[in-house]
PDB file of N, CA and C in Angstrom:
ATOM      1  N   MET A   1       0.839  -1.177   0.035  1.00  0.00           N
ATOM      2  CA  MET A   1       0.063   0.008   0.021  1.00  0.00           C
ATOM      3  C   MET A   1       0.861   1.213  -0.014  1.00  0.00           C
ATOM      4  N   GLN A   2       0.718   2.125  -0.911  1.00  0.00           N
ATOM      5  CA  GLN A   2       1.574   3.260  -1.040  1.00  0.00           C
ATOM      6  C   GLN A   2       1.330   4.226   0.089  1.00  0.00           C
ATOM      7  N   CYS A   3       0.179   4.458   0.540  1.00  0.00           N
ATOM      8  CA  CYS A   3      -0.098   5.437   1.596  1.00  0.00           C
ATOM      9  C   CYS A   3       0.656   5.028   2.875  1.00  0.00           C
ATOM     10  N   ALA A   4       0.645   3.764   3.190  1.00  0.00           N
ATOM     11  CA  ALA A   4       1.333   3.283   4.454  1.00  0.00           C
ATOM     12  C   ALA A   4       2.795   3.641   4.457  1.00  0.00           C
ATOM     13  N   GLY A   5       3.415   3.412   3.243  1.00  0.00           N
ATOM     14  CA  GLY A   5       4.811   3.803   3.226  1.00  0.00           C
ATOM     15  C   GLY A   5       5.081   5.259   3.285  1.00  0.00           C
ATOM     16  N   TYR A   6       4.250   6.046   2.785  1.00  0.00           N
ATOM     17  CA  TYR A   6       4.381   7.546   2.749  1.00  0.00           C
ATOM     18  C   TYR A   6       4.278   7.995   4.258  1.00  0.00           C
ATOM     19  N   PHE A   7       3.280   7.495   5.032  1.00  0.00           N
ATOM     20  CA  PHE A   7       3.154   7.926   6.403  1.00  0.00           C
ATOM     21  C   PHE A   7       4.258   7.400   7.193  1.00  0.00           C
ATOM     22  N   ALA A   8       4.766   6.169   7.040  1.00  0.00           N
ATOM     23  CA  ALA A   8       5.820   5.652   7.739  1.00  0.00           C
ATOM     24  C   ALA A   8       7.102   6.476   7.591  1.00  0.00           C
ATOM     25  N   LYS A   9       7.378   6.962   6.379  1.00  0.00           N
ATOM     26  CA  LYS A   9       8.510   7.763   6.146  1.00  0.00           C
ATOM     27  C   LYS A   9       8.382   9.120   6.888  1.00  0.00           C
ATOM     28  N   LYS A  10       7.182   9.679   7.030  1.00  0.00           N
ATOM     29  CA  LYS A  10       7.010  10.948   7.726  1.00  0.00           C
ATOM     30  C   LYS A  10       6.950  10.772   9.242  1.00  0.00           C
ATOM     31  N   GLY A  11       6.977   9.611   9.746  1.00  0.00           N
ATOM     32  CA  GLY A  11       6.960   9.286  11.130  1.00  0.00           C
ATOM     33  C   GLY A  11       5.584   9.328  11.760  1.00  0.00           C
ATOM     34  N   LEU A  12       4.623   9.190  10.863  1.00  0.00           N
ATOM     35  CA  LEU A  12       3.279   9.129  11.410  1.00  0.00           C
ATOM     36  C   LEU A  12       2.802   7.746  11.586  1.00  0.00           C
ATOM     37  N   ASP A  13       1.932   7.506  12.573  1.00  0.00           N
ATOM     38  CA  ASP A  13       1.404   6.183  12.878  1.00  0.00           C
ATOM     39  C   ASP A  13       0.223   5.975  11.930  1.00  0.00           C
ATOM     40  N   PHE A  14       0.204   4.956  11.148  1.00  0.00           N
ATOM     41  CA  PHE A  14      -0.743   4.559  10.244  1.00  0.00           C
ATOM     42  C   PHE A  14      -1.603   3.287  10.804  1.00  0.00           C
ATOM     43  N   SER A  15      -2.152   3.461  11.958  1.00  0.00           N
ATOM     44  CA  SER A  15      -2.960   2.411  12.507  1.00  0.00           C
ATOM     45  C   SER A  15      -4.413   2.698  12.190  1.00  0.00           C
ATOM     46  N   PRO A  16      -5.241   1.676  12.032  1.00  0.00           N
ATOM     47  CA  PRO A  16      -6.593   1.975  11.678  1.00  0.00           C
ATOM     48  C   PRO A  16      -7.295   2.687  12.848  1.00  0.00           C
ATOM     49  N   VAL A  17      -8.075   3.688  12.506  1.00  0.00           N
ATOM     50  CA  VAL A  17      -8.739   4.526  13.482  1.00  0.00           C
ATOM     51  C   VAL A  17     -10.032   3.807  13.979  1.00  0.00           C
ATOM     52  N   GLN A  18     -10.200   3.675  15.208  1.00  0.00           N
ATOM     53  CA  GLN A  18     -11.406   3.104  15.799  1.00  0.00           C
ATOM     54  C   GLN A  18     -12.203   4.159  16.520  1.00  0.00           C
ATOM     55  N   TRP A  19     -13.330   4.376  16.029  1.00  0.00           N
ATOM     56  CA  TRP A  19     -14.260   5.379  16.629  1.00  0.00           C
ATOM     57  C   TRP A  19     -15.254   4.637  17.660  1.00  0.00           C
ATOM     58  N   GLU A  20     -15.508   5.375  18.682  1.00  0.00           N
ATOM     59  CA  GLU A  20     -16.444   4.821  19.663  1.00  0.00           C
ATOM     60  C   GLU A  20     -17.711   5.709  19.470  1.00  0.00           C
ATOM     61  N   PHE A  21     -18.773   5.077  19.118  1.00  0.00           N
ATOM     62  CA  PHE A  21     -20.051   5.776  18.976  1.00  0.00           C
ATOM     63  C   PHE A  21     -21.000   5.193  20.090  1.00  0.00           C
ATOM     64  N   PRO A  22     -21.367   6.045  21.066  1.00  0.00           N
ATOM     65  CA  PRO A  22     -22.257   5.525  22.123  1.00  0.00           C
ATOM     66  C   PRO A  22     -23.576   5.231  21.562  1.00  0.00           C
ATOM     67  N   HIS A  23     -24.272   4.197  22.058  1.00  0.00           N
ATOM     68  CA  HIS A  23     -25.554   3.803  21.612  1.00  0.00           C
ATOM     69  C   HIS A  23     -26.550   4.786  22.230  1.00  0.00           C
ATOM     70  N   MET A  24     -27.133   5.625  21.477  1.00  0.00           N
ATOM     71  CA  MET A  24     -28.192   6.572  22.038  1.00  0.00           C
ATOM     72  C   MET A  24     -29.534   5.950  21.866  1.00  0.00           C
ATOM     73  N   LYS A  25     -30.272   5.927  22.998  1.00  0.00           N
ATOM     74  CA  LYS A  25     -31.695   5.488  22.946  1.00  0.00           C
ATOM     75  C   LYS A  25     -32.559   6.673  22.973  1.00  0.00           C
ATOM     76  N   THR A  26     -33.515   6.753  22.219  1.00  0.00           N
ATOM     77  CA  THR A  26     -34.448   7.945  22.173  1.00  0.00           C
ATOM     78  C   THR A  26     -35.793   7.423  22.474  1.00  0.00           C
ATOM     79  N   LEU A  27     -36.586   8.450  22.971  1.00  0.00           N
ATOM     80  CA  LEU A  27     -38.019   8.140  23.301  1.00  0.00           C
ATOM     81  C   LEU A  27     -38.817   9.207  22.619  1.00  0.00           C
ATOM     82  N   THR A  28     -40.036   8.885  22.159  1.00  0.00           N
ATOM     83  CA  THR A  28     -40.937   9.726  21.438  1.00  0.00           C
ATOM     84  C   THR A  28     -42.098   9.956  22.292  1.00  0.00           C
ATOM     85  N   VAL A  29     -42.611  11.168  22.429  1.00  0.00           N
ATOM     86  CA  VAL A  29     -43.837  11.459  23.132  1.00  0.00           C
ATOM     87  C   VAL A  29     -44.951  11.466  22.096  1.00  0.00           C
ATOM     88  N   ASP A  30     -46.089  10.723  22.404  1.00  0.00           N
ATOM     89  CA  ASP A  30     -47.241  10.802  21.475  1.00  0.00           C
ATOM     90  C   ASP A  30     -48.098  11.981  21.676  1.00  0.00           C
ATOM     91  N   ASP A  31     -49.191  12.056  20.998  1.00  0.00           N
ATOM     92  CA  ASP A  31     -50.112  13.200  21.073  1.00  0.00           C
ATOM     93  C   ASP A  31     -50.776  13.299  22.429  1.00  0.00           C
ATOM     94  N   ARG A  32     -50.745  12.297  23.304  1.00  0.00           N
ATOM     95  CA  ARG A  32     -51.340  12.440  24.578  1.00  0.00           C
ATOM     96  C   ARG A  32     -50.251  12.450  25.660  1.00  0.00           C
ATOM     97  N   GLN A  33     -49.113  12.900  25.369  1.00  0.00           N
ATOM     98  CA  GLN A  33     -47.984  13.050  26.185  1.00  0.00           C
ATOM     99  C   GLN A  33     -47.506  11.750  26.916  1.00  0.00           C
ATOM    100  N   ARG A  34     -47.610  10.593  26.235  1.00  0.00           N
ATOM    101  CA  ARG A  34     -47.163   9.371  26.742  1.00  0.00           C
ATOM    102  C   ARG A  34     -45.841   9.002  26.186  1.00  0.00           C
ATOM    103  N   VAL A  35     -45.021   8.407  26.979  1.00  0.00           N
ATOM    104  CA  VAL A  35     -43.627   7.809  26.586  1.00  0.00           C
ATOM    105  C   VAL A  35     -43.634   6.441  26.929  1.00  0.00           C
ATOM    106  N   ARG A  36     -43.145   5.610  25.976  1.00  0.00           N
ATOM    107  CA  ARG A  36     -42.850   4.137  26.306  1.00  0.00           C
ATOM    108  C   ARG A  36     -41.571   3.883  26.578  1.00  0.00           C
ATOM    109  N   LEU A  37     -41.205   3.397  27.826  1.00  0.00           N
ATOM    110  CA  LEU A  37     -39.891   2.996  28.174  1.00  0.00           C
ATOM    111  C   LEU A  37     -39.846   1.458  28.037  1.00  0.00           C
ATOM    112  N   PRO A  38     -38.861   1.048  27.171  1.00  0.00           N
ATOM    113  CA  PRO A  38     -38.751  -0.500  26.807  1.00  0.00           C
ATOM    114  C   PRO A  38     -38.632  -1.339  28.105  1.00  0.00           C
ATOM    115  N   LYS A  39     -37.825  -0.988  29.081  1.00  0.00           N
ATOM    116  CA  LYS A  39     -37.605  -1.937  30.181  1.00  0.00           C
ATOM    117  C   LYS A  39     -38.497  -1.603  31.438  1.00  0.00           C
ATOM    118  N   ALA A  40     -39.460  -0.615  31.331  1.00  0.00           N
ATOM    119  CA  ALA A  40     -40.330  -0.356  32.412  1.00  0.00           C
ATOM    120  C   ALA A  40     -41.513  -1.361  32.426  1.00  0.00           C
ATOM    121  N   LYS A  41     -41.944  -1.604  33.677  1.00  0.00           N
ATOM    122  CA  LYS A  41     -43.052  -2.495  33.853  1.00  0.00           C
ATOM    123  C   LYS A  41     -44.415  -1.698  33.893  1.00  0.00           C
ATOM    124  N   ALA A  42     -45.462  -2.341  33.588  1.00  0.00           N
ATOM    125  CA  ALA A  42     -46.784  -1.579  33.645  1.00  0.00           C
ATOM    126  C   ALA A  42     -47.103  -1.176  34.975  1.00  0.00           C
ATOM    127  N   GLY A  43     -47.501   0.143  35.133  1.00  0.00           N
ATOM    128  CA  GLY A  43     -47.815   0.610  36.503  1.00  0.00           C
ATOM    129  C   GLY A  43     -46.713   1.154  37.201  1.00  0.00           C
ATOM    130  N   GLN A  44     -45.441   0.948  36.734  1.00  0.00           N
ATOM    131  CA  GLN A  44     -44.279   1.503  37.464  1.00  0.00           C
ATOM    132  C   GLN A  44     -44.244   3.010  37.531  1.00  0.00           C
ATOM    133  N   VAL A  45     -43.897   3.618  38.670  1.00  0.00           N
ATOM    134  CA  VAL A  45     -43.957   5.031  38.802  1.00  0.00           C
ATOM    135  C   VAL A  45     -42.509   5.572  38.796  1.00  0.00           C
ATOM    136  N   PHE A  46     -42.348   6.705  38.116  1.00  0.00           N
ATOM    137  CA  PHE A  46     -41.029   7.406  37.999  1.00  0.00           C
ATOM    138  C   PHE A  46     -41.178   8.852  38.467  1.00  0.00           C
ATOM    139  N   ALA A  47     -40.110   9.275  39.188  1.00  0.00           N
ATOM    140  CA  ALA A  47     -40.105  10.775  39.575  1.00  0.00           C
ATOM    141  C   ALA A  47     -39.409  11.542  38.317  1.00  0.00           C
ATOM    142  N   TYR A  48     -39.922  12.608  38.068  1.00  0.00           N
ATOM    143  CA  TYR A  48     -39.502  13.416  36.846  1.00  0.00           C
ATOM    144  C   TYR A  48     -38.614  14.558  37.444  1.00  0.00           C
ATOM    145  N   GLU A  49     -37.339  14.649  36.965  1.00  0.00           N
ATOM    146  CA  GLU A  49     -36.496  15.720  37.435  1.00  0.00           C
ATOM    147  C   GLU A  49     -35.880  16.494  36.296  1.00  0.00           C
ATOM    148  N   PRO A  50     -36.452  17.662  35.879  1.00  0.00           N
ATOM    149  CA  PRO A  50     -35.793  18.416  34.773  1.00  0.00           C
ATOM    150  C   PRO A  50     -34.567  19.155  35.272  1.00  0.00           C
ATOM    151  N   ASN A  51     -33.544  19.115  34.471  1.00  0.00           N
ATOM    152  CA  ASN A  51     -32.274  19.867  34.823  1.00  0.00           C
ATOM    153  C   ASN A  51     -32.194  21.169  34.065  1.00  0.00           C
ATOM    154  N   SER A  52     -31.306  22.093  34.554  1.00  0.00           N
ATOM    155  CA  SER A  52     -31.148  23.377  33.932  1.00  0.00           C
ATOM    156  C   SER A  52     -30.529  23.268  32.556  1.00  0.00           C
ATOM    157  N   ASP A  53     -29.808  22.179  32.267  1.00  0.00           N
ATOM    158  CA  ASP A  53     -29.225  22.026  30.915  1.00  0.00           C
ATOM    159  C   ASP A  53     -30.150  21.465  29.841  1.00  0.00           C
ATOM    160  N   GLY A  54     -31.396  21.230  30.252  1.00  0.00           N
ATOM    161  CA  GLY A  54     -32.418  20.676  29.270  1.00  0.00           C
ATOM    162  C   GLY A  54     -32.649  19.175  29.356  1.00  0.00           C
ATOM    163  N   THR A  55     -31.792  18.544  30.127  1.00  0.00           N
ATOM    164  CA  THR A  55     -31.925  17.093  30.272  1.00  0.00           C
ATOM    165  C   THR A  55     -33.113  16.777  31.299  1.00  0.00           C
ATOM    166  N   ILE A  56     -33.599  15.594  31.161  1.00  0.00           N
ATOM    167  CA  ILE A  56     -34.646  15.089  32.036  1.00  0.00           C
ATOM    168  C   ILE A  56     -34.178  13.863  32.644  1.00  0.00           C
ATOM    169  N   LYS A  57     -34.309  13.742  33.923  1.00  0.00           N
ATOM    170  CA  LYS A  57     -33.941  12.538  34.756  1.00  0.00           C
ATOM    171  C   LYS A  57     -35.145  11.823  35.228  1.00  0.00           C
ATOM    172  N   LEU A  58     -35.342  10.557  34.937  1.00  0.00           N
ATOM    173  CA  LEU A  58     -36.429   9.791  35.450  1.00  0.00           C
ATOM    174  C   LEU A  58     -35.827   8.761  36.492  1.00  0.00           C
ATOM    175  N   VAL A  59     -36.364   8.771  37.711  1.00  0.00           N
ATOM    176  CA  VAL A  59     -35.934   7.965  38.759  1.00  0.00           C
ATOM    177  C   VAL A  59     -37.069   7.095  39.222  1.00  0.00           C
ATOM    178  N   PRO A  60     -36.896   5.803  39.214  1.00  0.00           N
ATOM    179  CA  PRO A  60     -38.035   4.908  39.673  1.00  0.00           C
ATOM    180  C   PRO A  60     -38.355   5.201  41.149  1.00  0.00           C
ATOM    181  N   VAL A  61     -39.628   5.235  41.541  1.00  0.00           N
ATOM    182  CA  VAL A  61     -40.099   5.498  42.856  1.00  0.00           C
ATOM    183  C   VAL A  61     -40.311   4.166  43.483  1.00  0.00           C
ATOM    184  N   VAL A  62     -39.639   3.837  44.602  1.00  0.00           N
ATOM    185  CA  VAL A  62     -39.767   2.569  45.337  1.00  0.00           C
ATOM    186  C   VAL A  62     -40.691   2.848  46.572  1.00  0.00           C
ATOM    187  N   PRO A  63     -41.861   2.226  46.601  1.00  0.00           N
ATOM    188  CA  PRO A  63     -42.724   2.474  47.772  1.00  0.00           C
ATOM    189  C   PRO A  63     -42.250   1.861  49.028  1.00  0.00           C
ATOM    190  N   LYS A  64     -42.410   2.619  50.139  1.00  0.00           N
ATOM    191  CA  LYS A  64     -41.889   2.065  51.398  1.00  0.00           C
ATOM    192  C   LYS A  64     -42.884   0.937  51.830  1.00  0.00           C
ATOM    193  N   PRO A  65     -42.291  -0.115  52.317  1.00  0.00           N
ATOM    194  CA  PRO A  65     -43.173  -1.261  52.720  1.00  0.00           C
ATOM    195  C   PRO A  65     -43.918  -0.827  54.012  1.00  0.00           C
ATOM    196  N   GLY A  66     -45.250  -1.107  53.962  1.00  0.00           N
ATOM    197  CA  GLY A  66     -46.045  -0.767  55.091  1.00  0.00           C
ATOM    198  C   GLY A  66     -46.115  -1.960  56.108  1.00  0.00           C
ATOM    199  N   PRO A  67     -46.908  -1.906  57.127  1.00  0.00           N
ATOM    200  CA  PRO A  67     -47.064  -3.010  57.986  1.00  0.00           C
ATOM    201  C   PRO A  67     -47.701  -4.180  57.210  1.00  0.00           C
ATOM    202  N   ARG A  68     -47.274  -5.405  57.588  1.00  0.00           N
ATOM    203  CA  ARG A  68     -47.855  -6.588  56.943  1.00  0.00           C
ATOM    204  C   ARG A  68     -49.303  -6.772  57.458  1.00  0.00           C
ATOM    205  N   ARG A  69     -50.154  -7.140  56.532  1.00  0.00           N
ATOM    206  CA  ARG A  69     -51.512  -7.385  56.881  1.00  0.00           C
ATOM    207  C   ARG A  69     -51.710  -8.902  57.030  1.00  0.00           C
ATOM    208  N   VAL A  70     -52.303  -9.332  58.094  1.00  0.00           N
ATOM    209  CA  VAL A  70     -52.560 -10.727  58.342  1.00  0.00           C
ATOM    210  C   VAL A  70     -54.073 -11.069  58.008  1.00  0.00           C
ATOM    211  N   VAL A  71     -54.407 -11.927  57.200  1.00  0.00           N
ATOM    212  CA  VAL A  71     -55.779 -12.269  56.965  1.00  0.00           C
ATOM    213  C   VAL A  71     -56.106 -13.538  57.681  1.00  0.00           C
ATOM    214  N   ALA A  72     -57.010 -13.490  58.676  1.00  0.00           N
ATOM    215  CA  ALA A  72     -57.298 -14.620  59.552  1.00  0.00           C
ATOM    216  C   ALA A  72     -58.696 -15.175  59.108  1.00  0.00           C
ATOM    217  N   LYS A  73     -58.889 -16.362  59.407  1.00  0.00           N
ATOM    218  CA  LYS A  73     -60.201 -17.020  59.151  1.00  0.00           C
ATOM    219  C   LYS A  73     -61.021 -17.039  60.379  1.00  0.00           C
ATOM    220  N   LEU A  74     -62.345 -16.891  60.296  1.00  0.00           N
ATOM    221  CA  LEU A  74     -63.217 -16.917  61.475  1.00  0.00           C
ATOM    222  C   LEU A  74     -63.698 -18.377  61.521  1.00  0.00           C
ATOM    223  N   VAL A  75     -63.343 -19.085  62.607  1.00  0.00           N
ATOM    224  CA  VAL A  75     -63.840 -20.449  62.807  1.00  0.00           C
ATOM    225  C   VAL A  75     -64.552 -20.689  64.100  1.00  0.00           C
ATOM    226  N   LYS A  76     -65.399 -21.669  64.150  1.00  0.00           N
ATOM    227  CA  LYS A  76     -66.201 -21.979  65.322  1.00  0.00           C
ATOM    228  C   LYS A  76     -65.399 -23.041  66.113  1.00  0.00           C
ATOM    229  N   ARG A  77     -65.295 -22.855  67.353  1.00  0.00           N
ATOM    230  CA  ARG A  77     -64.720 -23.778  68.326  1.00  0.00           C
ATOM    231  C   ARG A  77     -65.503 -23.846  69.544  1.00  0.00           C
ATOM    232  N   GLY A  78     -66.060 -25.000  69.787  1.00  0.00           N
ATOM    233  CA  GLY A  78     -66.917 -25.162  70.865  1.00  0.00           C
ATOM    234  C   GLY A  78     -68.115 -24.229  70.704  1.00  0.00           C
ATOM    235  N   GLY A  79     -68.389 -23.355  71.623  1.00  0.00           N
ATOM    236  CA  GLY A  79     -69.545 -22.480  71.488  1.00  0.00           C
ATOM    237  C   GLY A  79     -69.212 -21.083  71.089  1.00  0.00           C
ATOM    238  N   GLY A  80     -67.892 -20.823  70.687  1.00  0.00           N
ATOM    239  CA  GLY A  80     -67.549 -19.470  70.337  1.00  0.00           C
ATOM    240  C   GLY A  80     -66.895 -19.305  68.901  1.00  0.00           C
ATOM    241  N   LEU A  81     -66.732 -18.135  68.482  1.00  0.00           N
ATOM    242  CA  LEU A  81     -66.002 -17.847  67.199  1.00  0.00           C
ATOM    243  C   LEU A  81     -64.571 -17.424  67.532  1.00  0.00           C
ATOM    244  N   PHE A  82     -63.708 -17.852  66.762  1.00  0.00           N
ATOM    245  CA  PHE A  82     -62.260 -17.449  66.997  1.00  0.00           C
ATOM    246  C   PHE A  82     -61.655 -17.184  65.603  1.00  0.00           C
ATOM    247  N   PHE A  83     -60.666 -16.311  65.571  1.00  0.00           N
ATOM    248  CA  PHE A  83     -59.818 -16.087  64.503  1.00  0.00           C
ATOM    249  C   PHE A  83     -58.720 -17.128  64.354  1.00  0.00           C
ATOM    250  N   GLN A  84     -58.589 -17.772  63.210  1.00  0.00           N
ATOM    251  CA  GLN A  84     -57.461 -18.688  62.939  1.00  0.00           C
ATOM    252  C   GLN A  84     -56.445 -18.064  62.105  1.00  0.00           C
ATOM    253  N   VAL A  85     -55.260 -17.883  62.721  1.00  0.00           N
ATOM    254  CA  VAL A  85     -54.134 -17.221  61.990  1.00  0.00           C
ATOM    255  C   VAL A  85     -53.445 -18.183  61.068  1.00  0.00           C
ATOM    256  N   PRO A  86     -53.025 -17.800  59.801  1.00  0.00           N
ATOM    257  CA  PRO A  86     -52.265 -18.779  59.025  1.00  0.00           C
ATOM    258  C   PRO A  86     -50.985 -19.226  59.561  1.00  0.00           C
ATOM    259  N   ALA A  87     -50.595 -20.332  59.253  1.00  0.00           N
ATOM    260  CA  ALA A  87     -49.313 -20.913  59.737  1.00  0.00           C
ATOM    261  C   ALA A  87     -48.098 -20.026  59.451  1.00  0.00           C
ATOM    262  N   GLY A  88     -47.293 -19.968  60.342  1.00  0.00           N
ATOM    263  CA  GLY A  88     -46.075 -19.202  60.247  1.00  0.00           C
ATOM    264  C   GLY A  88     -46.203 -17.798  60.829  1.00  0.00           C
ATOM    265  N   TYR A  89     -47.407 -17.294  61.256  1.00  0.00           N
ATOM    266  CA  TYR A  89     -47.599 -16.034  61.835  1.00  0.00           C
ATOM    267  C   TYR A  89     -47.786 -16.104  63.282  1.00  0.00           C
ATOM    268  N   THR A  90     -47.248 -15.220  64.042  1.00  0.00           N
ATOM    269  CA  THR A  90     -47.413 -15.143  65.476  1.00  0.00           C
ATOM    270  C   THR A  90     -47.938 -13.768  65.777  1.00  0.00           C
ATOM    271  N   LEU A  91     -48.960 -13.725  66.643  1.00  0.00           N
ATOM    272  CA  LEU A  91     -49.517 -12.472  67.084  1.00  0.00           C
ATOM    273  C   LEU A  91     -49.229 -12.203  68.471  1.00  0.00           C
ATOM    274  N   ASP A  92     -48.898 -10.926  68.841  1.00  0.00           N
ATOM    275  CA  ASP A  92     -48.622 -10.536  70.192  1.00  0.00           C
ATOM    276  C   ASP A  92     -49.871  -9.969  70.742  1.00  0.00           C
ATOM    277  N   PRO A  93     -50.521 -10.507  71.749  1.00  0.00           N
ATOM    278  CA  PRO A  93     -51.793  -9.951  72.278  1.00  0.00           C
ATOM    279  C   PRO A  93     -51.639  -8.456  72.720  1.00  0.00           C
ATOM    280  N   ASP A  94     -50.518  -8.103  73.290  1.00  0.00           N
ATOM    281  CA  ASP A  94     -50.313  -6.759  73.754  1.00  0.00           C
ATOM    282  C   ASP A  94     -50.269  -5.860  72.581  1.00  0.00           C
ATOM    283  N   ALA A  95     -49.656  -6.236  71.498  1.00  0.00           N
ATOM    284  CA  ALA A  95     -49.547  -5.403  70.232  1.00  0.00           C
ATOM    285  C   ALA A  95     -50.928  -5.255  69.695  1.00  0.00           C
ATOM    286  N   ILE A  96     -51.787  -6.263  69.763  1.00  0.00           N
ATOM    287  CA  ILE A  96     -53.138  -6.177  69.270  1.00  0.00           C
ATOM    288  C   ILE A  96     -53.882  -5.180  69.992  1.00  0.00           C
ATOM    289  N   GLY A  97     -53.831  -5.294  71.354  1.00  0.00           N
ATOM    290  CA  GLY A  97     -54.495  -4.440  72.260  1.00  0.00           C
ATOM    291  C   GLY A  97     -54.134  -2.962  72.059  1.00  0.00           C
ATOM    292  N   LYS A  98     -52.800  -2.659  71.867  1.00  0.00           N
ATOM    293  CA  LYS A  98     -52.373  -1.363  71.653  1.00  0.00           C
ATOM    294  C   LYS A  98     -52.883  -0.762  70.256  1.00  0.00           C
ATOM    295  N   ALA A  99     -52.864  -1.647  69.295  1.00  0.00           N
ATOM    296  CA  ALA A  99     -53.381  -1.166  67.977  1.00  0.00           C
ATOM    297  C   ALA A  99     -54.817  -0.829  67.995  1.00  0.00           C
ATOM    298  N   VAL A 100     -55.601  -1.684  68.764  1.00  0.00           N
ATOM    299  CA  VAL A 100     -57.089  -1.411  68.869  1.00  0.00           C
ATOM    300  C   VAL A 100     -57.261  -0.104  69.609  1.00  0.00           C
ATOM    301  N   ALA A 101     -56.455   0.037  70.682  1.00  0.00           N
ATOM    302  CA  ALA A 101     -56.629   1.398  71.507  1.00  0.00           C
ATOM    303  C   ALA A 101     -56.303   2.547  70.587  1.00  0.00           C
ATOM    304  N   GLU A 102     -55.270   2.492  69.813  1.00  0.00           N
ATOM    305  CA  GLU A 102     -54.854   3.608  68.901  1.00  0.00           C
ATOM    306  C   GLU A 102     -55.926   3.864  67.900  1.00  0.00           C
ATOM    307  N   GLU A 103     -56.553   2.868  67.331  1.00  0.00           N
ATOM    308  CA  GLU A 103     -57.600   3.039  66.280  1.00  0.00           C
ATOM    309  C   GLU A 103     -58.786   3.725  66.923  1.00  0.00           C
ATOM    310  N   ARG A 104     -59.086   3.302  68.132  1.00  0.00           N
ATOM    311  CA  ARG A 104     -60.307   3.903  68.847  1.00  0.00           C
ATOM    312  C   ARG A 104     -60.084   5.307  69.161  1.00  0.00           C
ATOM    313  N   GLU A 105     -58.803   5.636  69.596  1.00  0.00           N
ATOM    314  CA  GLU A 105     -58.482   7.072  69.897  1.00  0.00           C
ATOM    315  C   GLU A 105     -58.547   7.976  68.632  1.00  0.00           C
ATOM    316  N   SER A 106     -58.140   7.374  67.415  1.00  0.00           N
ATOM    317  CA  SER A 106     -58.086   8.202  66.318  1.00  0.00           C
ATOM    318  C   SER A 106     -59.460   8.402  65.689  1.00  0.00           C
ATOM    319  N   ARG A 107     -60.398   7.658  66.155  1.00  0.00           N
ATOM    320  CA  ARG A 107     -61.871   7.830  65.707  1.00  0.00           C
ATOM    321  C   ARG A 107     -62.578   8.697  66.542  1.00  0.00           C
ATOM    322  N   SER A 108     -62.117   8.977  67.763  1.00  0.00           N
ATOM    323  CA  SER A 108     -62.933   9.912  68.744  1.00  0.00           C
ATOM    324  C   SER A 108     -62.435  11.272  68.709  1.00  0.00           C
TER     325      SER A 108
END
Protein backbone atom coordinates (compact mmCIF):
# COMPACT_ATOMS: atom_id res chain seq x y z
CA MET A 1 0.00 0.00 0.00
CA GLN A 2 1.57 3.30 -1.05
CA CYS A 3 -0.12 5.38 1.60
CA ALA A 4 1.31 3.30 4.44
CA GLY A 5 4.87 3.77 3.17
CA TYR A 6 4.41 7.51 2.82
CA PHE A 7 3.11 7.91 6.37
CA ALA A 8 5.85 5.62 7.74
CA LYS A 9 8.55 7.84 6.15
CA LYS A 10 7.05 10.96 7.70
CA GLY A 11 6.99 9.32 11.16
CA LEU A 12 3.22 9.16 11.40
CA ASP A 13 1.42 6.20 12.88
CA PHE A 14 -0.81 4.54 10.28
CA SER A 15 -2.96 2.40 12.54
CA PRO A 16 -6.63 1.97 11.70
CA VAL A 17 -8.74 4.53 13.51
CA GLN A 18 -11.41 3.08 15.79
CA TRP A 19 -14.24 5.38 16.69
CA GLU A 20 -16.48 4.85 19.66
CA PHE A 21 -20.07 5.74 19.00
CA PRO A 22 -22.23 5.56 22.14
CA HIS A 23 -25.54 3.84 21.59
CA MET A 24 -28.14 6.53 22.05
CA LYS A 25 -31.65 5.46 22.91
CA THR A 26 -34.42 7.88 22.14
CA LEU A 27 -38.01 8.14 23.32
CA THR A 28 -40.90 9.73 21.46
CA VAL A 29 -43.84 11.45 23.12
CA ASP A 30 -47.20 10.77 21.47
CA ASP A 31 -50.09 13.22 21.10
CA ARG A 32 -51.35 12.33 24.60
CA GLN A 33 -47.96 13.07 26.21
CA ARG A 34 -47.17 9.39 26.78
CA VAL A 35 -43.69 7.88 26.58
CA ARG A 36 -42.93 4.17 26.26
CA LEU A 37 -39.90 2.97 28.20
CA PRO A 38 -38.75 -0.42 26.87
CA LYS A 39 -37.63 -1.89 30.21
CA ALA A 40 -40.33 -0.35 32.42
CA LYS A 41 -43.09 -2.51 33.85
CA ALA A 42 -46.77 -1.62 33.59
CA GLY A 43 -47.83 0.65 36.44
CA GLN A 44 -44.25 1.49 37.46
CA VAL A 45 -43.93 5.04 38.84
CA PHE A 46 -41.05 7.41 38.04
CA ALA A 47 -40.05 10.75 39.56
CA TYR A 48 -39.47 13.44 36.90
CA GLU A 49 -36.48 15.74 37.47
CA PRO A 50 -35.83 18.42 34.80
CA ASN A 51 -32.29 19.84 34.83
CA SER A 52 -31.16 23.35 33.91
CA ASP A 53 -29.21 22.06 30.89
CA GLY A 54 -32.41 20.70 29.30
CA THR A 55 -31.95 17.07 30.26
CA ILE A 56 -34.65 15.11 32.03
CA LYS A 57 -33.91 12.51 34.70
CA LEU A 58 -36.41 9.74 35.45
CA VAL A 59 -35.92 7.99 38.78
CA PRO A 60 -37.99 4.91 39.72
CA VAL A 61 -40.06 5.46 42.86
CA VAL A 62 -39.80 2.57 45.30
CA PRO A 63 -42.73 2.48 47.73
CA LYS A 64 -41.95 2.08 51.39
CA PRO A 65 -43.16 -1.23 52.74
CA GLY A 66 -46.08 -0.79 55.09
CA PRO A 67 -47.07 -3.02 57.97
CA ARG A 68 -47.85 -6.58 56.98
CA ARG A 69 -51.51 -7.39 56.91
CA VAL A 70 -52.57 -10.76 58.28
CA VAL A 71 -55.81 -12.25 56.97
CA ALA A 72 -57.32 -14.63 59.49
CA LYS A 73 -60.23 -17.02 59.10
CA LEU A 74 -63.19 -16.96 61.45
CA VAL A 75 -63.76 -20.49 62.78
CA LYS A 76 -66.16 -22.02 65.32
CA ARG A 77 -64.65 -23.80 68.30
CA GLY A 78 -66.95 -25.13 70.92
CA GLY A 79 -69.54 -22.47 71.51
CA GLY A 80 -67.54 -19.46 70.30
CA LEU A 81 -66.03 -17.84 67.22
CA PHE A 82 -62.26 -17.46 66.98
CA PHE A 83 -59.78 -16.10 64.45
CA GLN A 84 -57.49 -18.74 62.99
CA VAL A 85 -54.16 -17.18 61.99
CA PRO A 86 -52.31 -18.71 58.99
CA ALA A 87 -49.35 -20.96 59.77
CA GLY A 88 -46.07 -19.12 60.25
CA TYR A 89 -47.59 -16.00 61.81
CA THR A 90 -47.42 -15.14 65.47
CA LEU A 91 -49.53 -12.44 67.04
CA ASP A 92 -48.62 -10.57 70.19
CA PRO A 93 -51.76 -9.96 72.29
CA ASP A 94 -50.29 -6.77 73.77
CA ALA A 95 -49.56 -5.39 70.28
CA ILE A 96 -53.13 -6.17 69.21
CA GLY A 97 -54.52 -4.37 72.26
CA LYS A 98 -52.30 -1.36 71.61
CA ALA A 99 -53.34 -1.20 67.93
CA VAL A 100 -57.04 -1.40 68.85
CA ALA A 101 -56.64 1.36 71.47
CA GLU A 102 -54.83 3.61 68.93
CA GLU A 103 -57.57 3.00 66.35
CA ARG A 104 -60.28 3.88 68.84
CA GLU A 105 -58.48 7.07 69.89
CA SER A 106 -58.07 8.16 66.27
CA ARG A 107 -61.83 7.83 65.65
CA SER A 108 -62.92 9.82 68.71
